[in-house]
Amino acid sequence: MNIAFYSARTGMIAQQDGMNVIANNISNVNTVGYKALRPSFADCIYTEQRATEPEWDTGHGQYLNKTDFMWEQGGFYNTDNPLHYALGGEGFFMVRDYNGNEYLTRDGSFQITNVGDHWELVNANGDFVLDYEGNHITVPFETYTDNDGNEVETTNIDYAVLTEMIGVYNVANNWGLDQDRNNHFVATQRSGMPVPDLDGLTSKIEFYLENSTVDFATEIVHVIESQRSYQMNARIVQTADEMQQIANNLR
C-alpha cells in the first residue's frame, strides 16, 4: 500500500479529533467562565526515500499534538444576584467536593446551603467554596444590638463580609492546568500548586458572571476548515486505493 493512503488516513483521524474539540467548544458557548480550547496539529515523521537523494524526504501525515486554552478574559454580564461573582484577572475560585477533591474554577455562580446549624457557600454543583486558608465559608449574617445590649443575628446575608471571605487563587502556569468536568480545572506539576492571591491581583466583581470565551463565528470557520480537510483526505484515501487496484491488475 502506498504512503499516500496512510498519510491521508492520519489526516482524517487528526481532523476528526480536532472536530471533537471544536464541537466541545460550541456546546459550551453559554457555559459560565468556560475557556475555549484550540487544537494544535503537528506533522508525523519523515523518511528518506533514497540514500542517494537525502533531500527527498516524504512525510507521513499529521496528528493532534495538543490542545491549548484560550485564556483571554471573557466578557461580564450583570445578573442582579449578589451571590454571583466574576473575576477580573487570571485568578480562580477554589472549591472542594464531598469527596475532598479540590478544583479551580472561573464559575462564580454561587448559592448557600444549610449544613447543620449554619449555612455555607457552594457552587451550582454543590461543591464548597473555599476561603484564602482553604476552609469552607460559613455565610455571615447581619446583626444588630437590641435594647438589652445583646447582639441579634438577622436573616440578611452580610454580603460585604462574604465577598472578603471568598478566596481567590493563582497558579504559576495557567496553560499547565488540566480541564475536568463540571467546569473545573485541576492543578498539575506543569501548572504548579494553587496559592492564595493575597496581593489582590485578581478582583472579585459582585453581581456579575463571566461569559465563555468561545467565539461562535470563529468556531464555525474551524468547522468548515475541518470538514474540507477531512473530505480531501478521504478523497486521497479513495484515489490511493484505486491506484493500488490498478497496479495489482497490471501484474
C-alpha atoms as a PDB file:
ATOM      1  CA  MET A   1       0.000   0.000   0.000  1.00  0.00           C
ATOM      2  CA  ASN A   2       1.446   3.423  -0.903  1.00  0.00           C
ATOM      3  CA  ILE A   3       2.375   6.145   1.536  1.00  0.00           C
ATOM      4  CA  ALA A   4      -0.401   8.469   0.352  1.00  0.00           C
ATOM      5  CA  PHE A   5      -3.025   6.088   1.734  1.00  0.00           C
ATOM      6  CA  TYR A   6      -1.564   6.112   5.239  1.00  0.00           C
ATOM      7  CA  SER A   7      -0.770   9.841   5.219  1.00  0.00           C
ATOM      8  CA  ALA A   8      -4.338  10.731   4.278  1.00  0.00           C
ATOM      9  CA  ARG A   9      -5.645   8.274   6.854  1.00  0.00           C
ATOM     10  CA  THR A  10      -3.747  10.061   9.649  1.00  0.00           C
ATOM     11  CA  GLY A  11      -5.139  13.340   8.328  1.00  0.00           C
ATOM     12  CA  MET A  12      -8.697  12.041   8.617  1.00  0.00           C
ATOM     13  CA  ILE A  13      -8.113  10.870  12.188  1.00  0.00           C
ATOM     14  CA  ALA A  14      -6.486  14.158  13.190  1.00  0.00           C
ATOM     15  CA  GLN A  15      -9.296  16.246  11.689  1.00  0.00           C
ATOM     16  CA  GLN A  16     -11.883  14.131  13.483  1.00  0.00           C
ATOM     17  CA  ASP A  17     -10.028  14.675  16.771  1.00  0.00           C
ATOM     18  CA  GLY A  18      -9.903  18.400  16.041  1.00  0.00           C
ATOM     19  CA  MET A  19     -13.622  18.432  15.235  1.00  0.00           C
ATOM     20  CA  ASN A  20     -14.297  16.873  18.644  1.00  0.00           C
ATOM     21  CA  VAL A  21     -12.522  19.800  20.308  1.00  0.00           C
ATOM     22  CA  ILE A  22     -14.463  22.331  18.222  1.00  0.00           C
ATOM     23  CA  ALA A  23     -17.765  20.594  18.983  1.00  0.00           C
ATOM     24  CA  ASN A  24     -16.997  20.735  22.703  1.00  0.00           C
ATOM     25  CA  ASN A  25     -16.319  24.468  22.418  1.00  0.00           C
ATOM     26  CA  ILE A  26     -19.603  25.121  20.626  1.00  0.00           C
ATOM     27  CA  SER A  27     -21.527  23.077  23.194  1.00  0.00           C
ATOM     28  CA  ASN A  28     -20.061  25.322  25.929  1.00  0.00           C
ATOM     29  CA  VAL A  29     -20.759  28.649  24.254  1.00  0.00           C
ATOM     30  CA  ASN A  30     -23.056  29.616  27.176  1.00  0.00           C
ATOM     31  CA  THR A  31     -21.080  27.951  29.992  1.00  0.00           C
ATOM     32  CA  VAL A  32     -20.087  30.482  32.666  1.00  0.00           C
ATOM     33  CA  GLY A  33     -16.326  31.022  32.836  1.00  0.00           C
ATOM     34  CA  TYR A  34     -15.566  28.402  30.171  1.00  0.00           C
ATOM     35  CA  LYS A  35     -12.212  28.792  28.414  1.00  0.00           C
ATOM     36  CA  ALA A  36     -12.203  27.723  24.768  1.00  0.00           C
ATOM     37  CA  LEU A  37      -9.718  25.123  23.549  1.00  0.00           C
ATOM     38  CA  ARG A  38      -7.741  25.278  20.323  1.00  0.00           C
ATOM     39  CA  PRO A  39      -6.442  22.070  18.712  1.00  0.00           C
ATOM     40  CA  SER A  40      -2.796  22.151  17.668  1.00  0.00           C
ATOM     41  CA  PHE A  41      -1.604  19.801  14.931  1.00  0.00           C
ATOM     42  CA  ALA A  42       1.862  18.527  14.055  1.00  0.00           C
ATOM     43  CA  ASP A  43       3.307  16.590  11.131  1.00  0.00           C
ATOM     44  CA  CYS A  44       4.364  12.968  11.539  1.00  0.00           C
ATOM     45  CA  ILE A  45       7.859  11.552  10.959  1.00  0.00           C
ATOM     46  CA  TYR A  46       9.669  11.907   7.650  1.00  0.00           C
ATOM     47  CA  THR A  47      11.511   9.120   5.869  1.00  0.00           C
ATOM     48  CA  GLU A  48      14.348   9.281   3.376  1.00  0.00           C
ATOM     49  CA  GLN A  49      13.178   7.691   0.145  1.00  0.00           C
ATOM     50  CA  ARG A  50      16.614   7.357  -1.491  1.00  0.00           C
ATOM     51  CA  ALA A  51      20.005   7.169   0.173  1.00  0.00           C
ATOM     52  CA  THR A  52      21.475   8.998  -2.830  1.00  0.00           C
ATOM     53  CA  GLU A  53      18.916  11.797  -2.536  1.00  0.00           C
ATOM     54  CA  PRO A  54      18.693  12.708   1.182  1.00  0.00           C
ATOM     55  CA  GLU A  55      16.604  15.800   0.420  1.00  0.00           C
ATOM     56  CA  TRP A  56      13.780  13.623  -0.926  1.00  0.00           C
ATOM     57  CA  ASP A  57      12.104  13.229   2.431  1.00  0.00           C
ATOM     58  CA  THR A  58       8.494  12.063   2.477  1.00  0.00           C
ATOM     59  CA  GLY A  59       6.050  12.961   5.250  1.00  0.00           C
ATOM     60  CA  HIS A  60       3.505  10.621   6.776  1.00  0.00           C
ATOM     61  CA  GLY A  61       0.550  12.833   7.627  1.00  0.00           C
ATOM     62  CA  GLN A  62      -0.429  14.672  10.804  1.00  0.00           C
ATOM     63  CA  TYR A  63      -1.714  14.128  14.327  1.00  0.00           C
ATOM     64  CA  LEU A  64      -3.364  16.155  17.061  1.00  0.00           C
ATOM     65  CA  ASN A  65      -0.378  17.296  19.085  1.00  0.00           C
ATOM     66  CA  LYS A  66      -2.129  19.149  21.940  1.00  0.00           C
ATOM     67  CA  THR A  67      -4.980  21.456  22.855  1.00  0.00           C
ATOM     68  CA  ASP A  68      -4.376  24.949  24.208  1.00  0.00           C
ATOM     69  CA  PHE A  69      -6.614  27.024  26.477  1.00  0.00           C
ATOM     70  CA  MET A  70      -7.656  30.465  25.269  1.00  0.00           C
ATOM     71  CA  TRP A  71      -7.060  32.374  28.492  1.00  0.00           C
ATOM     72  CA  GLU A  72      -8.257  35.799  27.435  1.00  0.00           C
ATOM     73  CA  GLN A  73     -10.753  37.496  29.724  1.00  0.00           C
ATOM     74  CA  GLY A  74     -14.383  36.710  28.917  1.00  0.00           C
ATOM     75  CA  GLY A  75     -16.960  39.481  28.898  1.00  0.00           C
ATOM     76  CA  PHE A  76     -19.028  40.196  32.021  1.00  0.00           C
ATOM     77  CA  TYR A  77     -22.798  40.338  32.248  1.00  0.00           C
ATOM     78  CA  ASN A  78     -24.950  41.600  35.097  1.00  0.00           C
ATOM     79  CA  THR A  79     -27.272  39.135  36.869  1.00  0.00           C
ATOM     80  CA  ASP A  80     -28.507  41.323  39.768  1.00  0.00           C
ATOM     81  CA  ASN A  81     -27.681  38.371  42.026  1.00  0.00           C
ATOM     82  CA  PRO A  82     -25.438  39.302  44.984  1.00  0.00           C
ATOM     83  CA  LEU A  83     -24.141  35.700  45.161  1.00  0.00           C
ATOM     84  CA  HIS A  84     -22.734  35.874  41.632  1.00  0.00           C
ATOM     85  CA  TYR A  85     -19.092  36.837  41.142  1.00  0.00           C
ATOM     86  CA  ALA A  86     -16.838  37.396  38.152  1.00  0.00           C
ATOM     87  CA  LEU A  87     -13.052  37.520  38.349  1.00  0.00           C
ATOM     88  CA  GLY A  88     -11.169  40.418  36.828  1.00  0.00           C
ATOM     89  CA  GLY A  89      -7.752  38.898  36.212  1.00  0.00           C
ATOM     90  CA  GLU A  90      -6.164  35.467  35.841  1.00  0.00           C
ATOM     91  CA  GLY A  91      -7.132  34.007  39.218  1.00  0.00           C
ATOM     92  CA  PHE A  92      -9.567  31.253  40.146  1.00  0.00           C
ATOM     93  CA  PHE A  93     -12.038  30.335  42.823  1.00  0.00           C
ATOM     94  CA  MET A  94     -11.226  27.100  44.658  1.00  0.00           C
ATOM     95  CA  VAL A  95     -13.924  24.559  45.506  1.00  0.00           C
ATOM     96  CA  ARG A  96     -13.990  21.208  47.298  1.00  0.00           C
ATOM     97  CA  ASP A  97     -16.438  18.400  46.542  1.00  0.00           C
ATOM     98  CA  TYR A  98     -17.955  15.943  49.034  1.00  0.00           C
ATOM     99  CA  ASN A  99     -15.079  13.510  48.406  1.00  0.00           C
ATOM    100  CA  GLY A 100     -12.492  16.087  49.459  1.00  0.00           C
ATOM    101  CA  ASN A 101     -11.183  16.734  45.927  1.00  0.00           C
ATOM    102  CA  GLU A 102     -10.197  20.332  45.269  1.00  0.00           C
ATOM    103  CA  TYR A 103     -10.631  22.147  41.967  1.00  0.00           C
ATOM    104  CA  LEU A 104     -10.134  25.577  40.453  1.00  0.00           C
ATOM    105  CA  THR A 105     -12.938  27.287  38.549  1.00  0.00           C
ATOM    106  CA  ARG A 106     -13.858  30.596  36.954  1.00  0.00           C
ATOM    107  CA  ASP A 107     -17.569  29.967  37.510  1.00  0.00           C
ATOM    108  CA  GLY A 108     -18.754  32.277  40.276  1.00  0.00           C
ATOM    109  CA  SER A 109     -22.470  31.415  40.249  1.00  0.00           C
ATOM    110  CA  PHE A 110     -22.708  30.647  43.968  1.00  0.00           C
ATOM    111  CA  GLN A 111     -25.534  29.853  46.348  1.00  0.00           C
ATOM    112  CA  ILE A 112     -25.881  28.897  50.004  1.00  0.00           C
ATOM    113  CA  THR A 113     -26.770  25.553  51.570  1.00  0.00           C
ATOM    114  CA  ASN A 114     -27.708  24.552  55.086  1.00  0.00           C
ATOM    115  CA  VAL A 115     -25.101  22.486  56.932  1.00  0.00           C
ATOM    116  CA  GLY A 116     -26.280  21.571  60.417  1.00  0.00           C
ATOM    117  CA  ASP A 117     -26.738  24.766  62.404  1.00  0.00           C
ATOM    118  CA  HIS A 118     -25.197  27.120  59.846  1.00  0.00           C
ATOM    119  CA  TRP A 119     -25.101  27.980  56.153  1.00  0.00           C
ATOM    120  CA  GLU A 120     -22.160  27.506  53.788  1.00  0.00           C
ATOM    121  CA  LEU A 121     -21.305  28.903  50.357  1.00  0.00           C
ATOM    122  CA  VAL A 122     -21.397  26.400  47.469  1.00  0.00           C
ATOM    123  CA  ASN A 123     -21.370  26.489  43.693  1.00  0.00           C
ATOM    124  CA  ALA A 124     -24.035  25.178  41.305  1.00  0.00           C
ATOM    125  CA  ASN A 125     -22.639  21.630  41.605  1.00  0.00           C
ATOM    126  CA  GLY A 126     -22.860  21.662  45.399  1.00  0.00           C
ATOM    127  CA  ASP A 127     -19.076  21.980  45.826  1.00  0.00           C
ATOM    128  CA  PHE A 128     -17.979  24.029  48.836  1.00  0.00           C
ATOM    129  CA  VAL A 129     -16.322  27.358  48.030  1.00  0.00           C
ATOM    130  CA  LEU A 130     -13.083  27.871  49.978  1.00  0.00           C
ATOM    131  CA  ASP A 131     -11.622  30.922  51.659  1.00  0.00           C
ATOM    132  CA  TYR A 132      -7.995  32.071  51.485  1.00  0.00           C
ATOM    133  CA  GLU A 133      -6.955  29.459  54.040  1.00  0.00           C
ATOM    134  CA  GLY A 134      -8.622  26.562  52.247  1.00  0.00           C
ATOM    135  CA  ASN A 135     -11.603  26.308  54.611  1.00  0.00           C
ATOM    136  CA  HIS A 136     -15.333  26.131  53.921  1.00  0.00           C
ATOM    137  CA  ILE A 137     -17.040  29.518  54.092  1.00  0.00           C
ATOM    138  CA  THR A 138     -19.689  29.922  56.771  1.00  0.00           C
ATOM    139  CA  VAL A 139     -22.094  32.546  55.464  1.00  0.00           C
ATOM    140  CA  PRO A 140     -22.113  35.654  57.716  1.00  0.00           C
ATOM    141  CA  PHE A 141     -25.400  37.380  58.539  1.00  0.00           C
ATOM    142  CA  GLU A 142     -26.005  40.957  59.559  1.00  0.00           C
ATOM    143  CA  THR A 143     -26.508  41.628  63.261  1.00  0.00           C
ATOM    144  CA  TYR A 144     -27.928  44.398  65.442  1.00  0.00           C
ATOM    145  CA  THR A 145     -27.888  45.186  69.155  1.00  0.00           C
ATOM    146  CA  ASP A 146     -31.206  45.034  70.970  1.00  0.00           C
ATOM    147  CA  ASN A 147     -32.341  47.165  73.920  1.00  0.00           C
ATOM    148  CA  ASP A 148     -30.691  44.769  76.370  1.00  0.00           C
ATOM    149  CA  GLY A 149     -27.328  45.143  74.670  1.00  0.00           C
ATOM    150  CA  ASN A 150     -27.451  41.669  73.112  1.00  0.00           C
ATOM    151  CA  GLU A 151     -26.237  41.060  69.584  1.00  0.00           C
ATOM    152  CA  VAL A 152     -29.018  39.567  67.461  1.00  0.00           C
ATOM    153  CA  GLU A 153     -28.413  37.881  64.131  1.00  0.00           C
ATOM    154  CA  THR A 154     -30.791  38.728  61.273  1.00  0.00           C
ATOM    155  CA  THR A 155     -31.685  36.684  58.205  1.00  0.00           C
ATOM    156  CA  ASN A 156     -29.921  39.145  55.900  1.00  0.00           C
ATOM    157  CA  ILE A 157     -26.590  37.998  54.482  1.00  0.00           C
ATOM    158  CA  ASP A 158     -23.687  40.361  55.133  1.00  0.00           C
ATOM    159  CA  TYR A 159     -22.510  40.440  51.515  1.00  0.00           C
ATOM    160  CA  ALA A 160     -19.615  42.820  52.157  1.00  0.00           C
ATOM    161  CA  VAL A 161     -18.031  40.428  54.659  1.00  0.00           C
ATOM    162  CA  LEU A 162     -18.862  37.400  52.497  1.00  0.00           C
ATOM    163  CA  THR A 163     -17.125  38.938  49.479  1.00  0.00           C
ATOM    164  CA  GLU A 164     -13.952  39.460  51.500  1.00  0.00           C
ATOM    165  CA  MET A 165     -14.043  35.845  52.713  1.00  0.00           C
ATOM    166  CA  ILE A 166     -14.213  34.250  49.245  1.00  0.00           C
ATOM    167  CA  GLY A 167     -10.750  33.022  48.321  1.00  0.00           C
ATOM    168  CA  VAL A 168      -9.007  33.703  45.020  1.00  0.00           C
ATOM    169  CA  TYR A 169      -6.059  31.551  43.940  1.00  0.00           C
ATOM    170  CA  ASN A 170      -3.351  31.717  41.288  1.00  0.00           C
ATOM    171  CA  VAL A 171      -1.077  29.152  39.659  1.00  0.00           C
ATOM    172  CA  ALA A 172       2.310  29.806  38.083  1.00  0.00           C
ATOM    173  CA  ASN A 173       1.297  28.475  34.650  1.00  0.00           C
ATOM    174  CA  ASN A 174      -2.368  28.518  33.609  1.00  0.00           C
ATOM    175  CA  TRP A 175      -1.557  26.574  30.435  1.00  0.00           C
ATOM    176  CA  GLY A 176      -0.424  23.643  32.554  1.00  0.00           C
ATOM    177  CA  LEU A 177      -3.871  23.098  34.077  1.00  0.00           C
ATOM    178  CA  ASP A 178      -5.969  20.088  33.119  1.00  0.00           C
ATOM    179  CA  GLN A 179      -9.635  20.570  32.308  1.00  0.00           C
ATOM    180  CA  ASP A 180     -12.158  18.439  34.167  1.00  0.00           C
ATOM    181  CA  ARG A 181     -15.932  18.052  34.101  1.00  0.00           C
ATOM    182  CA  ASN A 182     -18.307  20.432  35.904  1.00  0.00           C
ATOM    183  CA  ASN A 183     -16.369  23.465  34.694  1.00  0.00           C
ATOM    184  CA  HIS A 184     -13.375  22.533  36.853  1.00  0.00           C
ATOM    185  CA  PHE A 185      -9.632  22.856  36.346  1.00  0.00           C
ATOM    186  CA  VAL A 186      -7.139  20.537  38.010  1.00  0.00           C
ATOM    187  CA  ALA A 187      -3.661  21.655  39.097  1.00  0.00           C
ATOM    188  CA  THR A 188      -0.716  19.628  37.774  1.00  0.00           C
ATOM    189  CA  GLN A 189       3.062  19.677  38.085  1.00  0.00           C
ATOM    190  CA  ARG A 190       3.154  21.790  34.922  1.00  0.00           C
ATOM    191  CA  SER A 191       0.813  24.423  36.357  1.00  0.00           C
ATOM    192  CA  GLY A 192       2.197  24.470  39.888  1.00  0.00           C
ATOM    193  CA  MET A 193       0.085  24.285  43.027  1.00  0.00           C
ATOM    194  CA  PRO A 194      -2.550  26.985  43.703  1.00  0.00           C
ATOM    195  CA  VAL A 195      -1.526  29.777  46.062  1.00  0.00           C
ATOM    196  CA  PRO A 196      -3.832  32.390  47.639  1.00  0.00           C
ATOM    197  CA  ASP A 197      -3.951  35.729  45.818  1.00  0.00           C
ATOM    198  CA  LEU A 198      -3.201  37.785  48.908  1.00  0.00           C
ATOM    199  CA  ASP A 199      -1.926  40.718  46.833  1.00  0.00           C
ATOM    200  CA  GLY A 200      -5.311  41.246  45.193  1.00  0.00           C
ATOM    201  CA  LEU A 201      -4.046  40.793  41.621  1.00  0.00           C
ATOM    202  CA  THR A 202      -7.476  39.431  40.678  1.00  0.00           C
ATOM    203  CA  SER A 203     -10.581  41.405  41.647  1.00  0.00           C
ATOM    204  CA  LYS A 204     -13.922  39.911  42.705  1.00  0.00           C
ATOM    205  CA  ILE A 205     -16.799  41.614  40.888  1.00  0.00           C
ATOM    206  CA  GLU A 206     -20.164  41.113  42.599  1.00  0.00           C
ATOM    207  CA  PHE A 207     -23.459  40.846  40.647  1.00  0.00           C
ATOM    208  CA  TYR A 208     -21.619  39.709  37.506  1.00  0.00           C
ATOM    209  CA  LEU A 209     -20.649  36.448  35.776  1.00  0.00           C
ATOM    210  CA  GLU A 210     -18.013  35.834  33.135  1.00  0.00           C
ATOM    211  CA  ASN A 211     -19.035  34.761  29.636  1.00  0.00           C
ATOM    212  CA  SER A 212     -17.469  31.815  27.852  1.00  0.00           C
ATOM    213  CA  THR A 213     -14.516  32.757  25.637  1.00  0.00           C
ATOM    214  CA  VAL A 214     -15.942  30.730  22.749  1.00  0.00           C
ATOM    215  CA  ASP A 215     -16.302  32.875  19.616  1.00  0.00           C
ATOM    216  CA  PHE A 216     -19.158  31.190  17.759  1.00  0.00           C
ATOM    217  CA  ALA A 217     -18.289  32.681  14.364  1.00  0.00           C
ATOM    218  CA  THR A 218     -14.652  31.562  14.686  1.00  0.00           C
ATOM    219  CA  GLU A 219     -15.730  28.044  15.671  1.00  0.00           C
ATOM    220  CA  ILE A 220     -17.955  27.779  12.581  1.00  0.00           C
ATOM    221  CA  VAL A 221     -14.978  28.744  10.412  1.00  0.00           C
ATOM    222  CA  HIS A 222     -12.948  25.979  12.080  1.00  0.00           C
ATOM    223  CA  VAL A 223     -15.785  23.519  11.436  1.00  0.00           C
ATOM    224  CA  ILE A 224     -15.727  24.344   7.715  1.00  0.00           C
ATOM    225  CA  GLU A 225     -11.929  24.040   7.587  1.00  0.00           C
ATOM    226  CA  SER A 226     -12.009  20.650   9.314  1.00  0.00           C
ATOM    227  CA  GLN A 227     -14.786  19.379   7.065  1.00  0.00           C
ATOM    228  CA  ARG A 228     -12.947  20.386   3.896  1.00  0.00           C
ATOM    229  CA  SER A 229      -9.680  18.895   5.131  1.00  0.00           C
ATOM    230  CA  TYR A 230     -11.419  15.656   6.120  1.00  0.00           C
ATOM    231  CA  GLN A 231     -13.135  15.431   2.728  1.00  0.00           C
ATOM    232  CA  MET A 232      -9.875  15.972   0.826  1.00  0.00           C
ATOM    233  CA  ASN A 233      -8.058  13.370   2.913  1.00  0.00           C
ATOM    234  CA  ALA A 234     -10.909  10.929   2.317  1.00  0.00           C
ATOM    235  CA  ARG A 235     -10.649  11.567  -1.423  1.00  0.00           C
ATOM    236  CA  ILE A 236      -6.911  10.852  -1.314  1.00  0.00           C
ATOM    237  CA  VAL A 237      -7.563   7.574   0.519  1.00  0.00           C
ATOM    238  CA  GLN A 238     -10.050   6.588  -2.162  1.00  0.00           C
ATOM    239  CA  THR A 239      -7.725   7.604  -5.002  1.00  0.00           C
ATOM    240  CA  ALA A 240      -4.745   5.804  -3.451  1.00  0.00           C
ATOM    241  CA  ASP A 241      -6.839   2.659  -3.103  1.00  0.00           C
ATOM    242  CA  GLU A 242      -7.955   2.867  -6.735  1.00  0.00           C
ATOM    243  CA  MET A 243      -4.361   3.309  -7.917  1.00  0.00           C
ATOM    244  CA  GLN A 244      -3.313   0.267  -5.895  1.00  0.00           C
ATOM    245  CA  GLN A 245      -6.086  -1.768  -7.511  1.00  0.00           C
ATOM    246  CA  ILE A 246      -4.925  -0.688 -10.962  1.00  0.00           C
ATOM    247  CA  ALA A 247      -1.338  -1.661 -10.119  1.00  0.00           C
ATOM    248  CA  ASN A 248      -2.489  -5.058  -8.886  1.00  0.00           C
ATOM    249  CA  ASN A 249      -4.483  -5.691 -12.038  1.00  0.00           C
ATOM    250  CA  LEU A 250      -1.458  -4.921 -14.212  1.00  0.00           C
ATOM    251  CA  ARG A 251       0.598  -7.686 -12.645  1.00  0.00           C
END
